[in-house]
Amino acid sequence: MYVYKNSKTKSSHPKSAESEVTQTKLKSIFDNSPLMIFILDKDGFIKEVNSRGAKELGYEINELVNQHVTFVFHKEDWLTVKNK
């Protein structure tokens, strides 16, 4: 499982054609990865999850988005996860 904490802020700069191609490639990698990928906000809430991540855990994507990341871990592991 890959977990990425997103701390970026939105940019007011217009996107270039090259940036659009890069975003499309990254979206394809995210969507088609054989790995579970979760993107979290700075507080540990799931903002995005790929279909592999949802499927492996037995959820639909919309059931995971906006849940705290500890939602997908056993209760015994919550403290360890929160300290990472």
N, C-alpha and C. Protein backbone atom coordinates (compact mmCIF):
# COMPACT_ATOMS: atom_id res chain seq x y z
N MET A 1 0.85 -1.16 0.00
CA MET A 1 0.00 0.00 0.00
C MET A 1 0.90 1.22 0.00
N TYR A 2 0.56 2.19 -0.84
CA TYR A 2 1.28 3.45 -0.89
C TYR A 2 0.36 4.53 -0.37
N VAL A 3 0.84 5.31 0.58
CA VAL A 3 0.06 6.41 1.14
C VAL A 3 0.83 7.69 0.92
N TYR A 4 0.16 8.69 0.36
CA TYR A 4 0.78 9.98 0.08
C TYR A 4 0.00 11.05 0.83
N LYS A 5 0.68 11.80 1.66
CA LYS A 5 0.04 12.91 2.36
C LYS A 5 0.21 14.16 1.51
N ASN A 6 -0.90 14.75 1.13
CA ASN A 6 -0.90 15.90 0.25
C ASN A 6 -0.94 17.18 1.08
N SER A 7 0.10 18.00 0.95
CA SER A 7 0.13 19.25 1.69
C SER A 7 0.23 20.44 0.75
N LYS A 8 0.00 20.21 -0.54
CA LYS A 8 0.13 21.30 -1.51
C LYS A 8 -1.05 22.25 -1.44
N THR A 9 -0.81 23.44 -1.90
CA THR A 9 -1.89 24.41 -2.02
C THR A 9 -2.17 24.60 -3.50
N LYS A 10 -3.37 25.05 -3.81
CA LYS A 10 -3.73 25.26 -5.21
C LYS A 10 -2.95 26.43 -5.78
N SER A 11 -2.50 26.25 -7.01
CA SER A 11 -1.74 27.28 -7.68
C SER A 11 -2.67 28.11 -8.57
N SER A 12 -2.36 29.38 -8.70
CA SER A 12 -3.15 30.23 -9.58
C SER A 12 -2.54 30.31 -10.98
N HIS A 13 -1.43 29.59 -11.21
CA HIS A 13 -0.78 29.60 -12.50
C HIS A 13 -1.56 28.73 -13.49
N PRO A 14 -1.73 29.22 -14.72
CA PRO A 14 -2.43 28.40 -15.72
C PRO A 14 -1.61 27.16 -16.07
N LYS A 15 -2.29 26.07 -16.39
CA LYS A 15 -1.61 24.83 -16.74
C LYS A 15 -1.15 24.88 -18.19
N SER A 16 0.07 24.39 -18.43
CA SER A 16 0.58 24.31 -19.78
C SER A 16 0.13 23.00 -20.41
N ALA A 17 0.28 22.88 -21.72
CA ALA A 17 -0.08 21.65 -22.42
C ALA A 17 0.77 20.49 -21.89
N GLU A 18 2.04 20.76 -21.59
CA GLU A 18 2.93 19.73 -21.05
C GLU A 18 2.44 19.27 -19.67
N SER A 19 2.00 20.21 -18.87
CA SER A 19 1.48 19.89 -17.55
C SER A 19 0.22 19.04 -17.67
N GLU A 20 -0.63 19.34 -18.62
CA GLU A 20 -1.85 18.56 -18.84
C GLU A 20 -1.51 17.12 -19.22
N VAL A 21 -0.51 16.93 -20.07
CA VAL A 21 -0.08 15.59 -20.48
C VAL A 21 0.46 14.84 -19.27
N THR A 22 1.26 15.52 -18.46
CA THR A 22 1.82 14.90 -17.26
C THR A 22 0.70 14.49 -16.30
N GLN A 23 -0.28 15.35 -16.11
CA GLN A 23 -1.41 15.03 -15.23
C GLN A 23 -2.19 13.82 -15.76
N THR A 24 -2.37 13.74 -17.06
CA THR A 24 -3.07 12.60 -17.67
C THR A 24 -2.29 11.31 -17.44
N LYS A 25 -0.98 11.37 -17.61
CA LYS A 25 -0.14 10.19 -17.38
C LYS A 25 -0.20 9.74 -15.92
N LEU A 26 -0.09 10.70 -15.01
CA LEU A 26 -0.14 10.37 -13.58
C LEU A 26 -1.50 9.78 -13.20
N LYS A 27 -2.57 10.32 -13.76
CA LYS A 27 -3.92 9.80 -13.49
C LYS A 27 -4.03 8.37 -13.99
N SER A 28 -3.46 8.08 -15.14
CA SER A 28 -3.49 6.72 -15.69
C SER A 28 -2.71 5.75 -14.80
N ILE A 29 -1.56 6.18 -14.33
CA ILE A 29 -0.76 5.34 -13.42
C ILE A 29 -1.54 5.08 -12.14
N PHE A 30 -2.14 6.11 -11.58
CA PHE A 30 -2.94 6.00 -10.36
C PHE A 30 -4.09 5.03 -10.57
N ASP A 31 -4.82 5.20 -11.65
CA ASP A 31 -6.01 4.38 -11.92
C ASP A 31 -5.69 2.93 -12.23
N ASN A 32 -4.55 2.68 -12.86
CA ASN A 32 -4.23 1.34 -13.33
C ASN A 32 -3.16 0.61 -12.54
N SER A 33 -2.72 1.20 -11.46
CA SER A 33 -1.67 0.60 -10.65
C SER A 33 -2.14 -0.69 -9.99
N PRO A 34 -1.27 -1.69 -9.94
CA PRO A 34 -1.61 -2.91 -9.21
C PRO A 34 -1.46 -2.74 -7.69
N LEU A 35 -1.00 -1.55 -7.28
CA LEU A 35 -0.82 -1.24 -5.86
C LEU A 35 -2.01 -0.44 -5.34
N MET A 36 -2.27 -0.57 -4.05
CA MET A 36 -3.28 0.27 -3.41
C MET A 36 -2.64 1.64 -3.17
N ILE A 37 -3.27 2.69 -3.68
CA ILE A 37 -2.73 4.04 -3.51
C ILE A 37 -3.78 4.91 -2.84
N PHE A 38 -3.37 5.55 -1.76
CA PHE A 38 -4.24 6.47 -1.03
C PHE A 38 -3.57 7.83 -1.00
N ILE A 39 -4.32 8.88 -1.24
CA ILE A 39 -3.82 10.25 -1.11
C ILE A 39 -4.56 10.86 0.06
N LEU A 40 -3.79 11.34 1.03
CA LEU A 40 -4.35 11.87 2.27
C LEU A 40 -4.12 13.36 2.37
N ASP A 41 -4.99 14.03 3.11
CA ASP A 41 -4.71 15.42 3.42
C ASP A 41 -3.75 15.46 4.61
N LYS A 42 -3.38 16.64 5.04
CA LYS A 42 -2.38 16.77 6.11
C LYS A 42 -2.86 16.21 7.44
N ASP A 43 -4.16 16.04 7.60
CA ASP A 43 -4.72 15.52 8.85
C ASP A 43 -4.99 14.02 8.81
N GLY A 44 -4.63 13.36 7.68
CA GLY A 44 -4.78 11.92 7.58
C GLY A 44 -6.11 11.44 7.03
N PHE A 45 -6.89 12.35 6.42
CA PHE A 45 -8.15 11.95 5.81
C PHE A 45 -7.93 11.59 4.35
N ILE A 46 -8.59 10.53 3.91
CA ILE A 46 -8.43 10.03 2.54
C ILE A 46 -9.12 11.00 1.59
N LYS A 47 -8.37 11.54 0.65
CA LYS A 47 -8.91 12.44 -0.36
C LYS A 47 -9.10 11.71 -1.69
N GLU A 48 -8.25 10.74 -1.97
CA GLU A 48 -8.38 9.93 -3.17
C GLU A 48 -7.87 8.53 -2.86
N VAL A 49 -8.45 7.56 -3.51
CA VAL A 49 -7.98 6.18 -3.43
C VAL A 49 -8.20 5.56 -4.80
N ASN A 50 -7.26 4.75 -5.25
CA ASN A 50 -7.48 4.14 -6.55
C ASN A 50 -8.40 2.93 -6.42
N SER A 51 -8.89 2.45 -7.55
CA SER A 51 -9.85 1.34 -7.53
C SER A 51 -9.26 0.08 -6.92
N ARG A 52 -7.95 -0.13 -7.10
CA ARG A 52 -7.31 -1.31 -6.51
C ARG A 52 -7.38 -1.24 -4.98
N GLY A 53 -7.13 -0.07 -4.42
CA GLY A 53 -7.18 0.09 -2.97
C GLY A 53 -8.56 -0.20 -2.42
N ALA A 54 -9.57 0.34 -3.08
CA ALA A 54 -10.95 0.11 -2.62
C ALA A 54 -11.32 -1.37 -2.77
N LYS A 55 -11.00 -1.95 -3.90
CA LYS A 55 -11.37 -3.35 -4.17
C LYS A 55 -10.70 -4.30 -3.18
N GLU A 56 -9.42 -4.11 -2.94
CA GLU A 56 -8.68 -4.99 -2.03
C GLU A 56 -9.25 -4.96 -0.61
N LEU A 57 -9.79 -3.82 -0.23
CA LEU A 57 -10.34 -3.67 1.11
C LEU A 57 -11.84 -3.97 1.18
N GLY A 58 -12.44 -4.23 0.02
CA GLY A 58 -13.85 -4.58 -0.02
C GLY A 58 -14.80 -3.39 0.07
N TYR A 59 -14.35 -2.23 -0.39
CA TYR A 59 -15.16 -1.02 -0.36
C TYR A 59 -15.29 -0.44 -1.77
N GLU A 60 -16.25 0.45 -1.90
CA GLU A 60 -16.34 1.31 -3.07
C GLU A 60 -15.49 2.55 -2.77
N ILE A 61 -14.98 3.20 -3.81
CA ILE A 61 -14.14 4.38 -3.61
C ILE A 61 -14.85 5.42 -2.75
N ASN A 62 -16.13 5.68 -3.05
CA ASN A 62 -16.85 6.73 -2.32
C ASN A 62 -17.05 6.39 -0.84
N GLU A 63 -16.92 5.13 -0.46
CA GLU A 63 -17.02 4.75 0.95
C GLU A 63 -15.75 5.08 1.73
N LEU A 64 -14.64 5.23 1.02
CA LEU A 64 -13.35 5.50 1.67
C LEU A 64 -13.00 6.98 1.70
N VAL A 65 -13.41 7.71 0.66
CA VAL A 65 -13.07 9.13 0.58
C VAL A 65 -13.69 9.87 1.76
N ASN A 66 -12.88 10.70 2.37
CA ASN A 66 -13.20 11.52 3.56
C ASN A 66 -13.20 10.73 4.87
N GLN A 67 -12.84 9.46 4.82
CA GLN A 67 -12.63 8.69 6.05
C GLN A 67 -11.19 8.96 6.52
N HIS A 68 -10.97 8.85 7.82
CA HIS A 68 -9.59 8.96 8.32
C HIS A 68 -8.87 7.68 7.93
N VAL A 69 -7.58 7.78 7.65
CA VAL A 69 -6.82 6.62 7.19
C VAL A 69 -6.87 5.45 8.18
N THR A 70 -7.06 5.75 9.45
CA THR A 70 -7.15 4.66 10.43
C THR A 70 -8.36 3.76 10.17
N PHE A 71 -9.33 4.24 9.39
CA PHE A 71 -10.51 3.46 9.03
C PHE A 71 -10.12 2.15 8.34
N VAL A 72 -8.99 2.13 7.63
CA VAL A 72 -8.59 0.94 6.87
C VAL A 72 -7.58 0.07 7.62
N PHE A 73 -7.29 0.41 8.87
CA PHE A 73 -6.35 -0.37 9.68
C PHE A 73 -7.06 -1.01 10.86
N HIS A 74 -6.50 -2.09 11.36
CA HIS A 74 -7.03 -2.71 12.58
C HIS A 74 -6.86 -1.74 13.74
N LYS A 75 -7.81 -1.76 14.64
CA LYS A 75 -7.81 -0.83 15.77
C LYS A 75 -6.50 -0.89 16.56
N GLU A 76 -5.91 -2.07 16.66
CA GLU A 76 -4.66 -2.24 17.41
C GLU A 76 -3.51 -1.45 16.76
N ASP A 77 -3.63 -1.14 15.47
CA ASP A 77 -2.56 -0.45 14.75
C ASP A 77 -2.77 1.05 14.64
N TRP A 78 -3.88 1.58 15.14
CA TRP A 78 -4.20 2.99 14.98
C TRP A 78 -3.12 3.91 15.52
N LEU A 79 -2.61 3.64 16.70
CA LEU A 79 -1.61 4.52 17.31
C LEU A 79 -0.35 4.55 16.45
N THR A 80 0.08 3.41 15.95
CA THR A 80 1.25 3.34 15.09
C THR A 80 1.03 4.16 13.83
N VAL A 81 -0.13 4.02 13.22
CA VAL A 81 -0.45 4.75 11.99
C VAL A 81 -0.51 6.24 12.25
N LYS A 82 -1.13 6.66 13.31
CA LYS A 82 -1.26 8.09 13.60
C LYS A 82 0.09 8.75 13.85
N ASN A 83 1.07 7.99 14.32
CA ASN A 83 2.40 8.55 14.62
C ASN A 83 3.31 8.59 13.41
N LYS A 84 2.87 8.13 12.28
CA LYS A 84 3.71 8.12 11.06
C LYS A 84 3.53 9.38 10.27
